[in-house]
Amino acid sequence: MTKSSVILRKAKEKLWDGVVYPQSGTQFICHAIVKTNPHPLKGKVGRVLKEIERRLYPQYTVEHWLQARGYIPHGLITTSKRKKIQQYRHAWIDSLIAEYEAKGD
């Protein structure tokens, strides 16, 4: 069975870098996971998605999670802020990878 850290590493490759938006990439971690897995709602992939959802709850995106906690203002998001939000997503997926690797997963 594929390790959770491997699922997340594959997804990171599809995650937008915050600068040039690729046609094959996405800005959202969960969308990147779905794009890189043939059966995204089953098994370990589904559990990784559920864990991300649990950590963001009651928000649905990192952007909304950051807004709800006062890290970024509500309303219009500038290009500069969007890049920083994407940097946060990359940092978060890196921390998730490290977390799962520390557990041997």
Protein backbone atom coordinates (compact mmCIF):
# COMPACT_ATOMS: atom_id res chain seq x y z
CA MET A 1 0.00 0.00 0.00
CA THR A 2 1.26 3.47 -0.86
CA LYS A 3 2.43 5.53 2.11
CA SER A 4 0.63 8.76 2.97
CA SER A 5 3.89 10.69 2.64
CA VAL A 6 4.27 9.39 -0.94
CA ILE A 7 0.68 10.42 -1.76
CA LEU A 8 1.46 13.92 -0.49
CA ARG A 9 4.81 14.13 -2.35
CA LYS A 10 3.08 13.25 -5.62
CA ALA A 11 0.42 15.86 -4.90
CA LYS A 12 3.06 18.52 -4.15
CA GLU A 13 4.36 18.09 -7.71
CA LYS A 14 0.91 19.22 -8.98
CA LEU A 15 0.57 22.07 -6.50
CA TRP A 16 0.84 25.53 -8.04
CA ASP A 17 4.12 27.26 -7.18
CA GLY A 18 2.40 30.60 -6.61
CA VAL A 19 4.05 32.27 -9.59
CA VAL A 20 3.19 30.68 -12.94
CA TYR A 21 -0.10 28.82 -12.93
CA PRO A 22 0.42 25.57 -14.87
CA GLN A 23 -2.44 24.07 -16.85
CA SER A 24 -1.87 20.68 -15.25
CA GLY A 25 -1.52 22.03 -11.69
CA THR A 26 -3.85 23.32 -9.04
CA GLN A 27 -3.72 25.73 -6.14
CA PHE A 28 -5.50 23.36 -3.72
CA ILE A 29 -3.81 20.46 -1.90
CA CYS A 30 -6.88 18.21 -2.04
CA HIS A 31 -7.32 18.80 -5.77
CA ALA A 32 -3.65 17.92 -6.29
CA ILE A 33 -4.16 14.67 -4.37
CA VAL A 34 -7.20 13.81 -6.49
CA LYS A 35 -5.30 14.60 -9.72
CA THR A 36 -2.49 12.21 -8.82
CA ASN A 37 -4.54 9.22 -7.68
CA PRO A 38 -6.85 7.01 -9.74
CA HIS A 39 -9.19 6.22 -6.82
CA PRO A 40 -8.97 9.29 -4.58
CA LEU A 41 -11.79 8.47 -2.19
CA LYS A 42 -10.66 4.96 -1.31
CA GLY A 43 -8.15 3.60 1.17
CA LYS A 44 -5.23 5.65 2.36
CA VAL A 45 -5.79 8.44 -0.17
CA GLY A 46 -9.29 8.93 1.21
CA ARG A 47 -7.93 8.97 4.75
CA VAL A 48 -5.35 11.66 3.84
CA LEU A 49 -8.10 13.78 2.28
CA LYS A 50 -10.30 13.33 5.36
CA GLU A 51 -7.44 14.37 7.64
CA ILE A 52 -6.86 17.56 5.66
CA GLU A 53 -10.58 18.25 5.76
CA ARG A 54 -10.62 17.66 9.52
CA ARG A 55 -7.77 20.11 10.11
CA LEU A 56 -9.36 22.84 8.00
CA TYR A 57 -12.86 22.41 9.46
CA PRO A 58 -15.11 24.36 9.53
CA GLN A 59 -13.42 26.07 6.58
CA TYR A 60 -12.91 24.36 3.23
CA THR A 61 -9.71 25.98 1.97
CA VAL A 62 -6.43 27.15 3.47
CA GLU A 63 -7.30 30.68 2.37
CA HIS A 64 -10.56 30.64 4.35
CA TRP A 65 -8.83 28.97 7.31
CA LEU A 66 -6.23 31.77 7.38
CA GLN A 67 -8.96 34.42 7.08
CA ALA A 68 -11.03 32.89 9.88
CA ARG A 69 -8.02 33.07 12.20
CA GLY A 70 -7.18 36.65 11.26
CA TYR A 71 -3.92 35.88 9.46
CA ILE A 72 -5.17 37.49 6.26
CA PRO A 73 -8.03 39.96 5.81
CA HIS A 74 -11.35 39.00 4.30
CA GLY A 75 -12.15 40.49 0.92
CA LEU A 76 -10.04 41.08 -2.14
CA ILE A 77 -6.85 39.02 -2.23
CA THR A 78 -3.99 40.66 -4.11
CA THR A 79 -1.50 38.77 -6.26
CA SER A 80 1.09 39.18 -3.53
CA LYS A 81 -1.23 37.72 -0.89
CA ARG A 82 -2.22 34.87 -3.19
CA LYS A 83 1.47 33.96 -3.59
CA LYS A 84 1.89 33.97 0.19
CA ILE A 85 -1.17 31.78 0.63
CA GLN A 86 0.31 29.34 -1.87
CA GLN A 87 3.64 29.41 -0.03
CA TYR A 88 1.69 28.51 3.11
CA ARG A 89 0.09 25.55 1.28
CA HIS A 90 3.53 24.31 0.24
CA ALA A 91 4.84 24.69 3.79
CA TRP A 92 1.80 22.86 5.14
CA ILE A 93 2.11 19.96 2.70
CA ASP A 94 5.82 19.74 3.60
CA SER A 95 4.92 19.54 7.29
CA LEU A 96 2.30 16.87 6.56
CA ILE A 97 4.90 14.85 4.64
CA ALA A 98 7.33 15.14 7.56
CA GLU A 99 4.60 14.20 10.03
CA TYR A 100 3.64 11.06 8.12
CA GLU A 101 7.29 10.09 7.50
CA ALA A 102 7.99 10.38 11.24
CA LYS A 103 5.23 7.80 11.77
CA GLY A 104 6.68 5.54 9.08
CA ASP A 105 3.78 6.29 6.78
